[in-house]
Protein backbone atom coordinates (compact mmCIF):
# COMPACT_ATOMS: atom_id res chain seq x y z
CA MET A 1 -11.44 -15.03 1.20
CA LEU A 2 -12.26 -18.70 1.22
CA LYS A 3 -12.13 -18.86 -2.57
CA CYS A 4 -8.68 -17.27 -2.59
CA TYR A 5 -7.14 -19.20 0.29
CA GLY A 6 -8.78 -22.53 -0.39
CA SER A 7 -9.38 -23.33 3.27
CA GLU A 8 -11.13 -21.71 6.18
CA GLU A 9 -8.04 -22.14 8.35
CA ARG A 10 -5.77 -20.17 5.96
CA ALA A 11 -8.44 -17.48 5.42
CA LEU A 12 -8.88 -16.99 9.18
CA ALA A 13 -5.11 -16.82 9.67
CA ALA A 14 -4.96 -14.07 7.02
CA VAL A 15 -7.69 -12.07 8.76
CA GLN A 16 -5.92 -12.45 12.10
CA ALA A 17 -2.62 -11.31 10.53
CA ASN A 18 -4.22 -8.31 8.80
CA PRO A 19 -7.84 -7.50 9.70
CA GLN A 20 -7.92 -4.80 6.98
CA VAL A 21 -8.29 -7.53 4.35
CA ILE A 22 -11.96 -7.82 5.26
CA ASN A 23 -12.60 -4.08 5.50
CA PRO A 24 -15.07 -3.30 2.69
CA SER A 25 -13.49 0.14 2.25
CA TYR A 26 -10.25 -1.48 1.08
CA SER A 27 -11.11 -4.98 -0.08
CA PHE A 28 -13.51 -6.02 -2.80
CA PRO A 29 -14.27 -9.66 -3.69
CA ASN A 30 -13.58 -9.17 -7.41
CA THR A 31 -10.26 -7.46 -6.69
CA MET A 32 -9.25 -10.27 -4.36
CA ILE A 33 -10.08 -12.93 -6.94
CA GLU A 34 -8.23 -10.97 -9.65
CA SER A 35 -5.22 -10.61 -7.35
CA LYS A 36 -5.13 -14.36 -6.82
CA ARG A 37 -5.39 -14.91 -10.59
CA VAL A 38 -2.45 -12.58 -11.22
CA LEU A 39 -0.41 -14.28 -8.49
CA ARG A 40 -1.12 -17.67 -10.07
CA ALA A 41 -0.06 -16.37 -13.47
CA ALA A 42 3.28 -15.29 -11.99
CA MET A 43 3.97 -18.26 -9.68
CA SER A 44 2.83 -21.68 -8.52
CA GLU A 45 -0.16 -22.23 -6.24
CA ALA A 46 2.14 -23.01 -3.30
CA GLU A 47 4.16 -19.83 -3.89
CA ALA A 48 0.98 -17.75 -4.21
CA LEU A 49 -0.37 -19.13 -0.93
CA GLU A 50 2.95 -18.38 0.77
CA VAL A 51 2.90 -14.78 -0.52
CA MET A 52 -0.71 -14.44 0.67
CA ARG A 53 0.27 -15.85 4.08
CA LEU A 54 3.19 -13.42 4.43
CA ASN A 55 1.22 -10.42 3.14
CA PRO A 56 -2.57 -10.86 3.11
CA ALA A 57 -2.93 -7.28 1.78
CA VAL A 58 -1.57 -8.49 -1.56
CA LEU A 59 -5.15 -9.47 -2.37
CA GLN A 60 -6.10 -5.78 -2.36
CA CYS A 61 -3.81 -5.02 -5.31
CA GLY A 62 -5.78 -6.51 -8.20
CA PRO A 63 -4.42 -6.12 -11.73
CA SER A 64 -1.70 -3.70 -10.60
CA LEU A 65 0.31 -6.80 -9.63
CA GLU A 66 0.73 -7.65 -13.31
CA VAL A 67 3.60 -5.19 -13.73
CA LEU A 68 5.58 -6.91 -10.98
CA GLY A 69 7.46 -10.13 -11.33
CA ALA A 70 7.25 -13.04 -8.94
CA ALA A 71 10.54 -12.06 -7.29
CA GLU A 72 9.33 -8.53 -6.53
CA ILE A 73 6.00 -9.73 -5.16
CA LYS A 74 7.77 -12.26 -2.94
CA ALA A 75 10.29 -9.65 -1.74
CA VAL A 76 7.56 -7.22 -0.70
CA ALA A 77 5.65 -10.00 1.07
CA THR A 78 8.78 -11.10 2.91
CA ALA A 79 9.65 -7.53 3.93
CA ARG A 80 6.11 -6.91 5.18
CA SER A 81 6.14 -10.15 7.14
CA LEU A 82 9.52 -9.37 8.66
CA GLY A 83 8.34 -5.92 9.71
CA THR A 84 5.27 -7.42 11.32
CA ARG A 85 7.32 -9.97 13.26
CA LEU A 86 9.94 -7.46 14.42
CA LEU A 87 7.49 -4.81 15.60
CA PRO A 88 4.46 -5.99 17.54
CA PRO A 89 1.32 -3.87 16.99
CA SER A 90 1.66 -2.14 20.34
CA LEU A 91 5.11 -0.81 19.35
CA ARG A 92 4.42 0.29 15.75
CA VAL A 93 2.95 3.72 16.49
CA PRO A 94 5.55 4.57 19.19
CA ALA A 95 8.37 3.38 16.90
CA LEU A 96 7.10 5.54 14.05
CA ALA A 97 6.73 8.49 16.41
CA LEU A 98 10.28 7.94 17.67
CA VAL A 99 11.70 7.88 14.14
CA LEU A 100 9.78 11.00 13.16
CA ALA A 101 10.81 12.79 16.37
CA ALA A 102 14.45 11.87 15.78
CA LEU A 103 14.24 13.09 12.20
CA GLY A 104 12.62 16.33 13.34
CA TYR A 105 15.28 16.79 16.02
CA VAL A 106 18.10 16.24 13.55
CA LEU A 107 16.58 18.68 11.08
CA SER A 108 15.86 21.37 13.67
CA GLN A 109 19.08 21.11 15.66
CA SER A 110 21.66 20.53 12.96
CA GLN A 111 22.99 24.10 13.46
CA ASN A 112 22.93 23.99 17.30
CA ALA A 113 26.44 23.37 18.67
CA ASP A 114 25.11 21.94 21.95
CA ALA A 115 23.16 19.25 20.14
CA ALA A 116 25.97 18.36 17.73
CA ALA A 117 26.85 15.05 19.45
CA ALA A 118 23.27 13.79 19.42
CA VAL A 119 22.78 14.94 15.85
CA ASP A 120 26.02 13.26 14.78
CA ALA A 121 24.84 10.01 16.37
CA LEU A 122 21.37 10.13 14.81
CA LYS A 123 22.33 11.17 11.29
CA PRO A 124 23.94 7.84 10.26
CA LEU A 125 21.04 5.83 11.70
CA LEU A 126 18.40 7.91 9.96
CA GLY A 127 20.48 8.05 6.80
CA ALA A 128 20.86 4.28 6.67
CA GLY A 129 17.16 3.73 7.26
CA LEU A 130 16.04 6.25 4.67
CA ALA A 131 18.68 5.08 2.18
CA SER A 132 17.49 1.48 2.48
CA ILE A 133 13.90 2.57 1.85
CA PHE A 134 15.03 4.62 -1.15
CA ALA A 135 17.06 1.68 -2.51
CA PHE A 136 14.10 -0.68 -2.13
CA VAL A 137 11.79 1.76 -3.93
CA LEU A 138 14.37 2.27 -6.70
CA TYR A 139 14.82 -1.49 -7.10
CA GLY A 140 11.06 -2.01 -7.24
CA ALA A 141 10.61 0.76 -9.81
CA ALA A 142 13.38 -0.61 -12.02
CA ASN A 143 12.02 -4.13 -11.90
CA ALA A 144 8.44 -2.96 -12.43
CA GLY A 145 9.57 -1.32 -15.67
CA ARG A 146 11.20 -4.55 -16.82
CA SER A 147 8.14 -6.56 -15.79
CA ALA A 148 5.85 -4.19 -17.70
CA LYS A 149 7.94 -4.64 -20.84
CA ARG A 150 7.77 -8.43 -20.43
CA ALA A 151 3.99 -8.23 -20.01
CA GLU A 152 3.70 -6.19 -23.22
CA GLU A 153 5.80 -8.73 -25.11
CA LYS A 154 3.42 -11.54 -24.16
């Protein structure tokens, strides 16, 4: 961690933001060092440190980052950071449970006339959320393909 972050203060901040980065089941020193190397190949040191600050788990990716461009890596880091700031840890599991319960309710009650008003209210919210996830995945897949072609050309 220290080798990747360059200072004890930044490394400790990363561990506090995402304790999984030091879990030996998910993080390996060589993978972390390779991740940092790939980040540095795609962006400046300052940009790499900012991405690592926003999303410490990026160091668990290793060479799979090579197919992504700097813009995609930064976008994922920003989205992850935003999600972390908007939902404190104590609310993440209940929020996920609420979304899944609402989705289950919509799916199970879509033919029930008594529940039509609730279903009609939930459908646009769930649709917008799922559509934005789908669009983000589609965008990432399209750009990963372009990034892979650029990597092959080098």
